[in-house]
């Protein structure tokens, strides 16, 4: 009896050990698989703000900076007179899939969003692309930065210039300019205004200047989409509801309907002679070169001539003396 029980206990112990070893091996395999397939964590760059003065409002959850404010975020620098940081709550759209019906449903949730706003005369943004060494200078009297969405907005006399220190490649003037970017790269530039003024000078070929109500520039591909646009290139002018321009090869595509159909105005220069009077007849040419008479002077001369003639008629006639030879 005791031997049978000992034998049963041994079998139970062996089975338990084998099960535990299997679970341990399985868990290690899962851990290795998870670590190898897990996505890498996004690297975050710190935002540094310096100023001569700052004030903290804990109740409002805001921090205010004043006098010679400088915000640094990677390769981006912001210079302003005043700057504020605050956290507000916004509705975040969260989309979930329903497997049973293959449809989507959206639930609105409140989330904390940090907003950085600045004022200046103007606020100046500088960014140097480490890959191309090109520098973006952007200005505006009002500035807004939303780190969660990687977007910066400039309003009130907003301008943006892209330069490689040898030439101005791109120049934008608008009421509102928005940059979608990270701390090390620019993805997209949008502008709105009536009008937005845009100019681009390529390395080779002829540059353009444009006016539009809306501009959307994809920075890496240099594709520019303009709405209600007019483009001038040399002596030619192109108008259309929608124009897409490529800054690398200088090609563009226009589209529109009705009154906004694409149109082209081409200026043609015709040769003209420097001296148009040489084409006139001889008589006309002589008349053209003759001095013009003054009517008043002519009237005075005629009056004097008539008076002299009248006096000569009324003067007594003196008989002529005849002299004879001796």
C-alpha atoms as a PDB file:
ATOM      1  CA  UNK A   1       0.000   0.000   0.000  1.00  0.00           C
ATOM      2  CA  UNK A   2       2.743   2.416   0.999  1.00  0.00           C
ATOM      3  CA  UNK A   3       4.800   1.465  -2.039  1.00  0.00           C
ATOM      4  CA  UNK A   4       1.858   2.141  -4.317  1.00  0.00           C
ATOM      5  CA  UNK A   5       1.302   5.555  -2.750  1.00  0.00           C
ATOM      6  CA  UNK A   6       4.997   6.430  -3.008  1.00  0.00           C
ATOM      7  CA  UNK A   7       4.993   5.430  -6.655  1.00  0.00           C
ATOM      8  CA  UNK A   8       1.921   7.580  -7.349  1.00  0.00           C
ATOM      9  CA  UNK A   9       3.451  10.568  -5.596  1.00  0.00           C
ATOM     10  CA  UNK A  10       6.639  10.219  -7.644  1.00  0.00           C
ATOM     11  CA  UNK A  11       4.655  10.150 -10.885  1.00  0.00           C
ATOM     12  CA  UNK A  12       2.728  13.261  -9.771  1.00  0.00           C
ATOM     13  CA  UNK A  13       5.908  15.118  -8.870  1.00  0.00           C
ATOM     14  CA  UNK A  14       7.550  14.275 -12.193  1.00  0.00           C
ATOM     15  CA  UNK A  15       4.498  15.395 -14.172  1.00  0.00           C
ATOM     16  CA  UNK A  16       4.317  18.651 -12.192  1.00  0.00           C
ATOM     17  CA  UNK A  17       7.954  19.425 -12.889  1.00  0.00           C
ATOM     18  CA  UNK A  18       7.520  18.728 -16.582  1.00  0.00           C
ATOM     19  CA  UNK A  19       4.462  21.000 -16.731  1.00  0.00           C
ATOM     20  CA  UNK A  20       6.301  23.784 -14.921  1.00  0.00           C
ATOM     21  CA  UNK A  21       9.284  23.467 -17.264  1.00  0.00           C
ATOM     22  CA  UNK A  22       6.948  23.611 -20.273  1.00  0.00           C
ATOM     23  CA  UNK A  23       5.214  26.730 -18.996  1.00  0.00           C
ATOM     24  CA  UNK A  24       8.556  28.403 -18.296  1.00  0.00           C
ATOM     25  CA  UNK A  25       9.867  27.547 -21.777  1.00  0.00           C
ATOM     26  CA  UNK A  26       6.644  28.778 -23.388  1.00  0.00           C
ATOM     27  CA  UNK A  27       6.680  32.044 -21.457  1.00  0.00           C
ATOM     28  CA  UNK A  28      10.296  32.684 -22.411  1.00  0.00           C
ATOM     29  CA  UNK A  29       9.483  32.051 -26.085  1.00  0.00           C
ATOM     30  CA  UNK A  30       6.555  34.482 -25.935  1.00  0.00           C
ATOM     31  CA  UNK A  31       8.704  37.111 -24.234  1.00  0.00           C
ATOM     32  CA  UNK A  32      11.418  36.789 -26.881  1.00  0.00           C
ATOM     33  CA  UNK A  33       8.861  37.012 -29.690  1.00  0.00           C
ATOM     34  CA  UNK A  34       7.185  40.080 -28.154  1.00  0.00           C
ATOM     35  CA  UNK A  35      10.445  41.901 -27.633  1.00  0.00           C
ATOM     36  CA  UNK A  36      11.604  41.241 -31.185  1.00  0.00           C
ATOM     37  CA  UNK A  37       8.361  42.321 -32.847  1.00  0.00           C
ATOM     38  CA  UNK A  38       7.421  45.202 -30.553  1.00  0.00           C
ATOM     39  CA  UNK A  39       7.691  48.613 -32.232  1.00  0.00           C
ATOM     40  CA  UNK A  40      10.471  50.917 -31.164  1.00  0.00           C
ATOM     41  CA  UNK A  41       9.546  53.729 -28.839  1.00  0.00           C
ATOM     42  CA  UNK A  42       9.454  57.195 -30.352  1.00  0.00           C
ATOM     43  CA  UNK A  43      12.297  59.412 -29.284  1.00  0.00           C
ATOM     44  CA  UNK A  44      11.102  62.711 -27.866  1.00  0.00           C
ATOM     45  CA  UNK A  45      13.036  65.957 -27.957  1.00  0.00           C
ATOM     46  CA  UNK A  46      12.741  68.283 -25.011  1.00  0.00           C
ATOM     47  CA  UNK A  47      11.382  71.797 -25.378  1.00  0.00           C
ATOM     48  CA  UNK A  48      13.496  74.431 -23.652  1.00  0.00           C
ATOM     49  CA  UNK A  49      12.205  77.946 -22.898  1.00  0.00           C
ATOM     50  CA  UNK A  50      14.340  80.803 -21.605  1.00  0.00           C
ATOM     51  CA  UNK A  51      13.359  84.391 -20.764  1.00  0.00           C
ATOM     52  CA  UNK A  52      14.207  87.306 -18.503  1.00  0.00           C
ATOM     53  CA  UNK A  53      10.979  86.896 -16.468  1.00  0.00           C
ATOM     54  CA  UNK A  54       8.357  84.220 -15.942  1.00  0.00           C
ATOM     55  CA  UNK A  55       5.268  83.735 -13.798  1.00  0.00           C
ATOM     56  CA  UNK A  56       3.381  80.579 -12.799  1.00  0.00           C
ATOM     57  CA  UNK A  57      -0.410  80.502 -12.346  1.00  0.00           C
ATOM     58  CA  UNK A  58      -1.156  77.155 -10.706  1.00  0.00           C
ATOM     59  CA  UNK A  59      -4.929  77.672 -10.609  1.00  0.00           C
ATOM     60  CA  UNK A  60      -5.109  78.285 -14.343  1.00  0.00           C
ATOM     61  CA  UNK A  61      -2.371  75.781 -15.046  1.00  0.00           C
ATOM     62  CA  UNK A  62      -0.420  78.338 -17.053  1.00  0.00           C
ATOM     63  CA  UNK A  63       3.122  79.629 -17.208  1.00  0.00           C
ATOM     64  CA  UNK A  64       3.923  83.080 -18.642  1.00  0.00           C
ATOM     65  CA  UNK A  65       7.309  84.156 -20.024  1.00  0.00           C
ATOM     66  CA  UNK A  66       8.306  87.732 -20.832  1.00  0.00           C
ATOM     67  CA  UNK A  67      11.203  89.685 -22.370  1.00  0.00           C
ATOM     68  CA  UNK A  68      13.642  88.065 -24.809  1.00  0.00           C
ATOM     69  CA  UNK A  69      11.832  84.735 -24.878  1.00  0.00           C
ATOM     70  CA  UNK A  70      13.584  81.926 -26.750  1.00  0.00           C
ATOM     71  CA  UNK A  71      11.971  78.507 -27.323  1.00  0.00           C
ATOM     72  CA  UNK A  72      14.236  75.727 -28.579  1.00  0.00           C
ATOM     73  CA  UNK A  73      12.906  72.432 -29.938  1.00  0.00           C
ATOM     74  CA  UNK A  74      15.571  70.433 -31.710  1.00  0.00           C
ATOM     75  CA  UNK A  75      16.644  72.454 -34.776  1.00  0.00           C
ATOM     76  CA  UNK A  76      13.795  74.956 -34.300  1.00  0.00           C
ATOM     77  CA  UNK A  77      14.121  78.255 -32.465  1.00  0.00           C
ATOM     78  CA  UNK A  78      11.339  80.723 -31.638  1.00  0.00           C
ATOM     79  CA  UNK A  79      12.112  84.315 -30.617  1.00  0.00           C
ATOM     80  CA  UNK A  80       9.275  86.352 -29.079  1.00  0.00           C
ATOM     81  CA  UNK A  81       8.431  89.164 -26.663  1.00  0.00           C
ATOM     82  CA  UNK A  82       5.837  87.155 -24.714  1.00  0.00           C
ATOM     83  CA  UNK A  83       5.019  83.456 -24.479  1.00  0.00           C
ATOM     84  CA  UNK A  84       2.489  81.396 -22.525  1.00  0.00           C
ATOM     85  CA  UNK A  85       2.040  77.677 -21.874  1.00  0.00           C
ATOM     86  CA  UNK A  86      -1.279  76.233 -20.830  1.00  0.00           C
ATOM     87  CA  UNK A  87      -3.092  72.917 -20.810  1.00  0.00           C
ATOM     88  CA  UNK A  88      -6.680  72.775 -22.040  1.00  0.00           C
ATOM     89  CA  UNK A  89      -9.147  69.949 -22.546  1.00  0.00           C
ATOM     90  CA  UNK A  90     -10.303  69.075 -26.039  1.00  0.00           C
ATOM     91  CA  UNK A  91     -12.449  66.346 -27.499  1.00  0.00           C
ATOM     92  CA  UNK A  92     -10.381  63.575 -29.025  1.00  0.00           C
ATOM     93  CA  UNK A  93     -11.995  61.395 -31.672  1.00  0.00           C
ATOM     94  CA  UNK A  94     -11.423  57.716 -31.004  1.00  0.00           C
ATOM     95  CA  UNK A  95     -12.480  55.285 -33.743  1.00  0.00           C
ATOM     96  CA  UNK A  96     -13.244  51.632 -32.949  1.00  0.00           C
ATOM     97  CA  UNK A  97     -14.040  48.815 -35.367  1.00  0.00           C
ATOM     98  CA  UNK A  98     -16.955  46.467 -34.878  1.00  0.00           C
ATOM     99  CA  UNK A  99     -15.986  43.055 -36.238  1.00  0.00           C
ATOM    100  CA  UNK A 100     -19.572  41.807 -36.437  1.00  0.00           C
ATOM    101  CA  UNK A 101     -20.816  44.540 -38.758  1.00  0.00           C
ATOM    102  CA  UNK A 102     -17.477  45.763 -40.205  1.00  0.00           C
ATOM    103  CA  UNK A 103     -18.522  49.313 -39.328  1.00  0.00           C
ATOM    104  CA  UNK A 104     -16.812  52.040 -37.331  1.00  0.00           C
ATOM    105  CA  UNK A 105     -18.052  54.042 -34.362  1.00  0.00           C
ATOM    106  CA  UNK A 106     -16.553  57.229 -32.943  1.00  0.00           C
ATOM    107  CA  UNK A 107     -16.472  58.000 -29.252  1.00  0.00           C
ATOM    108  CA  UNK A 108     -15.628  61.532 -28.146  1.00  0.00           C
ATOM    109  CA  UNK A 109     -13.280  61.617 -25.194  1.00  0.00           C
ATOM    110  CA  UNK A 110     -11.784  64.583 -23.388  1.00  0.00           C
ATOM    111  CA  UNK A 111      -8.009  64.789 -23.381  1.00  0.00           C
ATOM    112  CA  UNK A 112      -5.443  67.280 -22.113  1.00  0.00           C
ATOM    113  CA  UNK A 113      -3.707  69.279 -24.843  1.00  0.00           C
ATOM    114  CA  UNK A 114      -0.796  71.632 -24.297  1.00  0.00           C
ATOM    115  CA  UNK A 115      -0.826  74.896 -26.250  1.00  0.00           C
ATOM    116  CA  UNK A 116       2.064  77.342 -26.508  1.00  0.00           C
ATOM    117  CA  UNK A 117       1.220  80.843 -27.748  1.00  0.00           C
ATOM    118  CA  UNK A 118       3.548  83.764 -28.365  1.00  0.00           C
ATOM    119  CA  UNK A 119       3.426  87.428 -29.325  1.00  0.00           C
ATOM    120  CA  UNK A 120       6.081  89.611 -30.891  1.00  0.00           C
ATOM    121  CA  UNK A 121       6.838  92.330 -33.344  1.00  0.00           C
ATOM    122  CA  UNK A 122       7.272  89.964 -34.953  1.00  0.00           C
ATOM    123  CA  UNK A 123       7.663  86.431 -33.606  1.00  0.00           C
ATOM    124  CA  UNK A 124      10.573  84.875 -35.523  1.00  0.00           C
ATOM    125  CA  UNK A 125      10.900  81.146 -36.286  1.00  0.00           C
ATOM    126  CA  UNK A 126      14.143  79.697 -37.659  1.00  0.00           C
ATOM    127  CA  UNK A 127      14.769  76.120 -38.736  1.00  0.00           C
ATOM    128  CA  UNK A 128      17.872  74.721 -40.430  1.00  0.00           C
ATOM    129  CA  UNK A 129      17.396  71.406 -42.198  1.00  0.00           C
ATOM    130  CA  UNK A 130      20.373  69.196 -41.216  1.00  0.00           C
ATOM    131  CA  UNK A 131      20.105  67.216 -44.475  1.00  0.00           C
ATOM    132  CA  UNK A 132      19.961  70.077 -46.992  1.00  0.00           C
ATOM    133  CA  UNK A 133      21.435  72.947 -44.911  1.00  0.00           C
ATOM    134  CA  UNK A 134      18.534  75.111 -46.088  1.00  0.00           C
ATOM    135  CA  UNK A 135      17.087  77.548 -43.576  1.00  0.00           C
ATOM    136  CA  UNK A 136      13.455  78.512 -43.066  1.00  0.00           C
ATOM    137  CA  UNK A 137      12.713  81.970 -41.684  1.00  0.00           C
ATOM    138  CA  UNK A 138       9.075  82.508 -40.691  1.00  0.00           C
ATOM    139  CA  UNK A 139       7.573  85.627 -39.120  1.00  0.00           C
ATOM    140  CA  UNK A 140       4.232  86.738 -37.738  1.00  0.00           C
ATOM    141  CA  UNK A 141       2.902  88.917 -34.942  1.00  0.00           C
ATOM    142  CA  UNK A 142       0.975  85.953 -33.461  1.00  0.00           C
ATOM    143  CA  UNK A 143       2.281  82.394 -32.985  1.00  0.00           C
ATOM    144  CA  UNK A 144       0.704  79.097 -31.819  1.00  0.00           C
ATOM    145  CA  UNK A 145       2.448  75.763 -31.219  1.00  0.00           C
ATOM    146  CA  UNK A 146       0.636  72.487 -30.485  1.00  0.00           C
ATOM    147  CA  UNK A 147       3.308  69.872 -29.639  1.00  0.00           C
ATOM    148  CA  UNK A 148       0.839  66.970 -29.711  1.00  0.00           C
ATOM    149  CA  UNK A 149       0.054  67.540 -33.397  1.00  0.00           C
ATOM    150  CA  UNK A 150       3.500  68.861 -34.389  1.00  0.00           C
ATOM    151  CA  UNK A 151       1.987  72.019 -35.869  1.00  0.00           C
ATOM    152  CA  UNK A 152       2.966  75.685 -35.690  1.00  0.00           C
ATOM    153  CA  UNK A 153       0.837  78.600 -36.876  1.00  0.00           C
ATOM    154  CA  UNK A 154       1.797  82.185 -37.687  1.00  0.00           C
ATOM    155  CA  UNK A 155      -0.810  84.903 -38.217  1.00  0.00           C
ATOM    156  CA  UNK A 156      -0.987  88.673 -38.659  1.00  0.00           C
ATOM    157  CA  UNK A 157       1.439  89.675 -41.437  1.00  0.00           C
ATOM    158  CA  UNK A 158       2.846  86.175 -41.758  1.00  0.00           C
ATOM    159  CA  UNK A 159       5.821  85.511 -44.038  1.00  0.00           C
ATOM    160  CA  UNK A 160       7.999  82.489 -44.758  1.00  0.00           C
ATOM    161  CA  UNK A 161      11.300  82.315 -46.647  1.00  0.00           C
ATOM    162  CA  UNK A 162      13.426  79.309 -47.635  1.00  0.00           C
ATOM    163  CA  UNK A 163      17.067  80.103 -48.417  1.00  0.00           C
ATOM    164  CA  UNK A 164      20.347  78.270 -48.898  1.00  0.00           C
ATOM    165  CA  UNK A 165      22.339  81.414 -47.984  1.00  0.00           C
ATOM    166  CA  UNK A 166      23.079  82.008 -51.694  1.00  0.00           C
ATOM    167  CA  UNK A 167      19.592  82.691 -52.985  1.00  0.00           C
ATOM    168  CA  UNK A 168      15.999  82.913 -51.818  1.00  0.00           C
ATOM    169  CA  UNK A 169      14.404  79.724 -53.091  1.00  0.00           C
ATOM    170  CA  UNK A 170      10.851  80.212 -51.795  1.00  0.00           C
ATOM    171  CA  UNK A 171       9.002  83.243 -50.469  1.00  0.00           C
ATOM    172  CA  UNK A 172       5.447  83.242 -49.072  1.00  0.00           C
ATOM    173  CA  UNK A 173       3.361  86.135 -47.748  1.00  0.00           C
ATOM    174  CA  UNK A 174      -0.097  85.428 -46.305  1.00  0.00           C
ATOM    175  CA  UNK A 175      -2.606  86.147 -43.580  1.00  0.00           C
ATOM    176  CA  UNK A 176      -2.089  82.692 -42.015  1.00  0.00           C
ATOM    177  CA  UNK A 177       0.760  80.173 -42.376  1.00  0.00           C
ATOM    178  CA  UNK A 178       0.852  76.695 -40.809  1.00  0.00           C
ATOM    179  CA  UNK A 179       3.826  74.338 -40.615  1.00  0.00           C
ATOM    180  CA  UNK A 180       3.536  70.595 -39.978  1.00  0.00           C
ATOM    181  CA  UNK A 181       6.945  69.548 -38.741  1.00  0.00           C
ATOM    182  CA  UNK A 182       9.034  67.636 -36.249  1.00  0.00           C
ATOM    183  CA  UNK A 183      12.070  68.816 -34.340  1.00  0.00           C
ATOM    184  CA  UNK A 184      14.327  67.802 -37.234  1.00  0.00           C
ATOM    185  CA  UNK A 185      12.230  68.020 -40.437  1.00  0.00           C
ATOM    186  CA  UNK A 186       9.454  69.959 -42.162  1.00  0.00           C
ATOM    187  CA  UNK A 187       6.659  67.985 -43.803  1.00  0.00           C
ATOM    188  CA  UNK A 188       4.070  70.468 -45.066  1.00  0.00           C
ATOM    189  CA  UNK A 189       3.389  74.200 -45.287  1.00  0.00           C
ATOM    190  CA  UNK A 190      -0.081  75.693 -45.692  1.00  0.00           C
ATOM    191  CA  UNK A 191      -1.078  79.316 -46.265  1.00  0.00           C
ATOM    192  CA  UNK A 192      -4.345  81.239 -46.556  1.00  0.00           C
ATOM    193  CA  UNK A 193      -5.034  84.805 -47.603  1.00  0.00           C
ATOM    194  CA  UNK A 194      -6.607  87.106 -50.170  1.00  0.00           C
ATOM    195  CA  UNK A 195      -4.244  86.813 -51.769  1.00  0.00           C
ATOM    196  CA  UNK A 196      -1.432  84.500 -50.771  1.00  0.00           C
ATOM    197  CA  UNK A 197       1.709  85.683 -52.568  1.00  0.00           C
ATOM    198  CA  UNK A 198       4.159  82.967 -53.569  1.00  0.00           C
ATOM    199  CA  UNK A 199       7.418  83.035 -55.510  1.00  0.00           C
ATOM    200  CA  UNK A 200       9.949  80.328 -56.301  1.00  0.00           C
ATOM    201  CA  UNK A 201      13.389  80.490 -57.906  1.00  0.00           C
ATOM    202  CA  UNK A 202      14.822  77.123 -59.020  1.00  0.00           C
ATOM    203  CA  UNK A 203      18.530  76.381 -59.407  1.00  0.00           C
ATOM    204  CA  UNK A 204      18.083  76.278 -63.164  1.00  0.00           C
ATOM    205  CA  UNK A 205      15.393  77.748 -65.361  1.00  0.00           C
ATOM    206  CA  UNK A 206      13.005  80.621 -64.978  1.00  0.00           C
ATOM    207  CA  UNK A 207      11.281  81.332 -61.678  1.00  0.00           C
ATOM    208  CA  UNK A 208       7.602  82.069 -61.080  1.00  0.00           C
ATOM    209  CA  UNK A 209       5.453  84.379 -58.997  1.00  0.00           C
ATOM    210  CA  UNK A 210       1.868  83.556 -58.053  1.00  0.00           C
ATOM    211  CA  UNK A 211      -1.232  84.862 -56.320  1.00  0.00           C
ATOM    212  CA  UNK A 212      -3.834  82.514 -54.840  1.00  0.00           C
ATOM    213  CA  UNK A 213      -6.440  82.195 -52.109  1.00  0.00           C
ATOM    214  CA  UNK A 214      -4.902  78.975 -50.784  1.00  0.00           C
ATOM    215  CA  UNK A 215      -1.463  77.339 -50.867  1.00  0.00           C
ATOM    216  CA  UNK A 216      -0.432  73.803 -49.885  1.00  0.00           C
ATOM    217  CA  UNK A 217       3.292  73.021 -50.180  1.00  0.00           C
ATOM    218  CA  UNK A 218       4.740  69.537 -49.654  1.00  0.00           C
ATOM    219  CA  UNK A 219       8.235  70.443 -48.533  1.00  0.00           C
ATOM    220  CA  UNK A 220      10.135  67.252 -49.441  1.00  0.00           C
ATOM    221  CA  UNK A 221       8.696  66.822 -52.949  1.00  0.00           C
ATOM    222  CA  UNK A 222       8.372  70.592 -53.600  1.00  0.00           C
ATOM    223  CA  UNK A 223       4.884  70.106 -55.024  1.00  0.00           C
ATOM    224  CA  UNK A 224       2.719  73.204 -54.552  1.00  0.00           C
ATOM    225  CA  UNK A 225      -1.073  73.195 -54.894  1.00  0.00           C
ATOM    226  CA  UNK A 226      -2.700  76.611 -55.489  1.00  0.00           C
ATOM    227  CA  UNK A 227      -6.424  77.443 -55.565  1.00  0.00           C
ATOM    228  CA  UNK A 228      -7.942  80.390 -57.468  1.00  0.00           C
ATOM    229  CA  UNK A 229      -4.441  81.035 -58.731  1.00  0.00           C
ATOM    230  CA  UNK A 230      -2.619  83.273 -61.167  1.00  0.00           C
ATOM    231  CA  UNK A 231       0.966  82.364 -62.093  1.00  0.00           C
ATOM    232  CA  UNK A 232       3.363  84.663 -63.932  1.00  0.00           C
ATOM    233  CA  UNK A 233       6.460  83.255 -65.603  1.00  0.00           C
ATOM    234  CA  UNK A 234       8.437  85.710 -67.678  1.00  0.00           C
ATOM    235  CA  UNK A 235       6.009  87.449 -70.025  1.00  0.00           C
ATOM    236  CA  UNK A 236       3.359  84.703 -69.756  1.00  0.00           C
ATOM    237  CA  UNK A 237       0.446  84.598 -67.310  1.00  0.00           C
ATOM    238  CA  UNK A 238      -1.608  81.507 -66.431  1.00  0.00           C
ATOM    239  CA  UNK A 239      -4.933  81.537 -64.600  1.00  0.00           C
ATOM    240  CA  UNK A 240      -6.984  78.594 -63.310  1.00  0.00           C
ATOM    241  CA  UNK A 241      -9.145  77.372 -60.470  1.00  0.00           C
ATOM    242  CA  UNK A 242      -6.475  74.848 -59.467  1.00  0.00           C
ATOM    243  CA  UNK A 243      -2.755  74.837 -60.332  1.00  0.00           C
ATOM    244  CA  UNK A 244      -0.155  72.283 -59.209  1.00  0.00           C
ATOM    245  CA  UNK A 245       3.469  73.374 -59.569  1.00  0.00           C
ATOM    246  CA  UNK A 246       6.665  71.378 -59.038  1.00  0.00           C
ATOM    247  CA  UNK A 247       9.594  73.416 -57.782  1.00  0.00           C
ATOM    248  CA  UNK A 248      12.209  70.922 -58.986  1.00  0.00           C
ATOM    249  CA  UNK A 249      11.392  70.604 -62.683  1.00  0.00           C
ATOM    250  CA  UNK A 250       9.287  73.768 -63.111  1.00  0.00           C
ATOM    251  CA  UNK A 251       6.312  71.883 -64.573  1.00  0.00           C
ATOM    252  CA  UNK A 252       2.742  72.696 -63.587  1.00  0.00           C
ATOM    253  CA  UNK A 253      -0.748  71.405 -64.280  1.00  0.00           C
ATOM    254  CA  UNK A 254      -3.896  73.547 -64.346  1.00  0.00           C
ATOM    255  CA  UNK A 255      -7.564  72.576 -64.150  1.00  0.00           C
ATOM    256  CA  UNK A 256     -10.951  74.271 -63.773  1.00  0.00           C
ATOM    257  CA  UNK A 257     -14.474  74.559 -65.133  1.00  0.00           C
ATOM    258  CA  UNK A 258     -16.723  77.276 -66.502  1.00  0.00           C
ATOM    259  CA  UNK A 259     -15.397  80.763 -65.888  1.00  0.00           C
ATOM    260  CA  UNK A 260     -12.469  79.267 -63.988  1.00  0.00           C
ATOM    261  CA  UNK A 261     -11.189  77.243 -66.940  1.00  0.00           C
ATOM    262  CA  UNK A 262      -7.410  77.542 -67.452  1.00  0.00           C
ATOM    263  CA  UNK A 263      -6.382  80.522 -69.551  1.00  0.00           C
ATOM    264  CA  UNK A 264      -3.046  81.779 -70.853  1.00  0.00           C
ATOM    265  CA  UNK A 265      -2.031  85.333 -71.694  1.00  0.00           C
ATOM    266  CA  UNK A 266       1.082  85.596 -73.885  1.00  0.00           C
ATOM    267  CA  UNK A 267       2.687  88.957 -74.595  1.00  0.00           C
ATOM    268  CA  UNK A 268       4.094  89.240 -78.127  1.00  0.00           C
ATOM    269  CA  UNK A 269       6.582  92.027 -78.899  1.00  0.00           C
ATOM    270  CA  UNK A 270       6.405  93.528 -82.406  1.00  0.00           C
ATOM    271  CA  UNK A 271       9.482  95.319 -83.859  1.00  0.00           C
ATOM    272  CA  UNK A 272       9.051  99.074 -84.247  1.00  0.00           C
ATOM    273  CA  UNK A 273      11.321 101.715 -85.910  1.00  0.00           C
ATOM    274  CA  UNK A 274      13.061 104.167 -83.647  1.00  0.00           C
ATOM    275  CA  UNK A 275      12.170 107.125 -85.960  1.00  0.00           C
ATOM    276  CA  UNK A 276       8.559 106.831 -87.107  1.00  0.00           C
ATOM    277  CA  UNK A 277       8.832 110.042 -89.191  1.00  0.00           C
ATOM    278  CA  UNK A 278      11.095 108.272 -91.711  1.00  0.00           C
ATOM    279  CA  UNK A 279       8.089 106.273 -92.919  1.00  0.00           C
ATOM    280  CA  UNK A 280       6.148 109.434 -93.861  1.00  0.00           C
ATOM    281  CA  UNK A 281       6.099 110.875 -97.458  1.00  0.00           C
ATOM    282  CA  UNK A 282       8.681 113.511 -98.308  1.00  0.00           C
ATOM    283  CA  UNK A 283       6.159 116.335 -98.255  1.00  0.00           C
ATOM    284  CA  UNK A 284       4.718 115.255 -94.928  1.00  0.00           C
ATOM    285  CA  UNK A 285       8.177 114.771 -93.498  1.00  0.00           C
ATOM    286  CA  UNK A 286       9.114 118.321 -94.506  1.00  0.00           C
ATOM    287  CA  UNK A 287       5.923 119.700 -93.052  1.00  0.00           C
ATOM    288  CA  UNK A 288       6.567 117.716 -89.907  1.00  0.00           C
ATOM    289  CA  UNK A 289      10.020 119.281 -89.490  1.00  0.00           C
ATOM    290  CA  UNK A 290       8.903 122.860 -90.296  1.00  0.00           C
ATOM    291  CA  UNK A 291       8.574 125.188 -87.319  1.00  0.00           C
ATOM    292  CA  UNK A 292       5.010 125.906 -86.373  1.00  0.00           C
ATOM    293  CA  UNK A 293       3.822 129.518 -86.637  1.00  0.00           C
ATOM    294  CA  UNK A 294       2.384 131.356 -83.689  1.00  0.00           C
ATOM    295  CA  UNK A 295      -1.182 132.552 -84.591  1.00  0.00           C
ATOM    296  CA  UNK A 296      -0.859 135.721 -82.478  1.00  0.00           C
ATOM    297  CA  UNK A 297       2.435 136.676 -84.081  1.00  0.00           C
ATOM    298  CA  UNK A 298       0.998 136.023 -87.546  1.00  0.00           C
ATOM    299  CA  UNK A 299      -1.998 138.275 -86.769  1.00  0.00           C
ATOM    300  CA  UNK A 300       0.287 141.065 -85.560  1.00  0.00           C
ATOM    301  CA  UNK A 301       2.432 140.801 -88.709  1.00  0.00           C
ATOM    302  CA  UNK A 302      -0.660 140.959 -90.954  1.00  0.00           C
ATOM    303  CA  UNK A 303      -1.989 144.023 -89.084  1.00  0.00           C
ATOM    304  CA  UNK A 304       1.313 145.831 -89.387  1.00  0.00           C
ATOM    305  CA  UNK A 305       1.564 144.966 -93.095  1.00  0.00           C
ATOM    306  CA  UNK A 306      -1.989 146.241 -93.771  1.00  0.00           C
ATOM    307  CA  UNK A 307      -1.299 149.501 -91.930  1.00  0.00           C
ATOM    308  CA  UNK A 308       1.890 150.081 -93.863  1.00  0.00           C
ATOM    309  CA  UNK A 309       0.057 149.509 -97.145  1.00  0.00           C
ATOM    310  CA  UNK A 310      -2.749 151.937 -96.150  1.00  0.00           C
ATOM    311  CA  UNK A 311      -0.268 154.667 -95.226  1.00  0.00           C
ATOM    312  CA  UNK A 312       1.501 154.287 -98.542  1.00  0.00           C
ATOM    313  CA  UNK A 313      -1.741 154.705-100.439  1.00  0.00           C
ATOM    314  CA  UNK A 314      -2.722 157.908 -98.550  1.00  0.00           C
ATOM    315  CA  UNK A 315       0.746 159.500 -98.833  1.00  0.00           C
ATOM    316  CA  UNK A 316       0.845 162.378-101.506  1.00  0.00           C
ATOM    317  CA  UNK A 317       2.612 161.500-104.666  1.00  0.00           C
ATOM    318  CA  UNK A 318       5.797 163.480-105.303  1.00  0.00           C
ATOM    319  CA  UNK A 319       6.556 164.017-108.970  1.00  0.00           C
ATOM    320  CA  UNK A 320       9.769 162.575-110.181  1.00  0.00           C
ATOM    321  CA  UNK A 321      12.364 165.049-111.339  1.00  0.00           C
ATOM    322  CA  UNK A 322      13.835 164.561-114.708  1.00  0.00           C
ATOM    323  CA  UNK A 323      17.474 165.438-115.000  1.00  0.00           C
ATOM    324  CA  UNK A 324      18.887 166.155-118.409  1.00  0.00           C
ATOM    325  CA  UNK A 325      22.436 165.818-119.387  1.00  0.00           C
ATOM    326  CA  UNK A 326      24.327 168.996-120.355  1.00  0.00           C
END
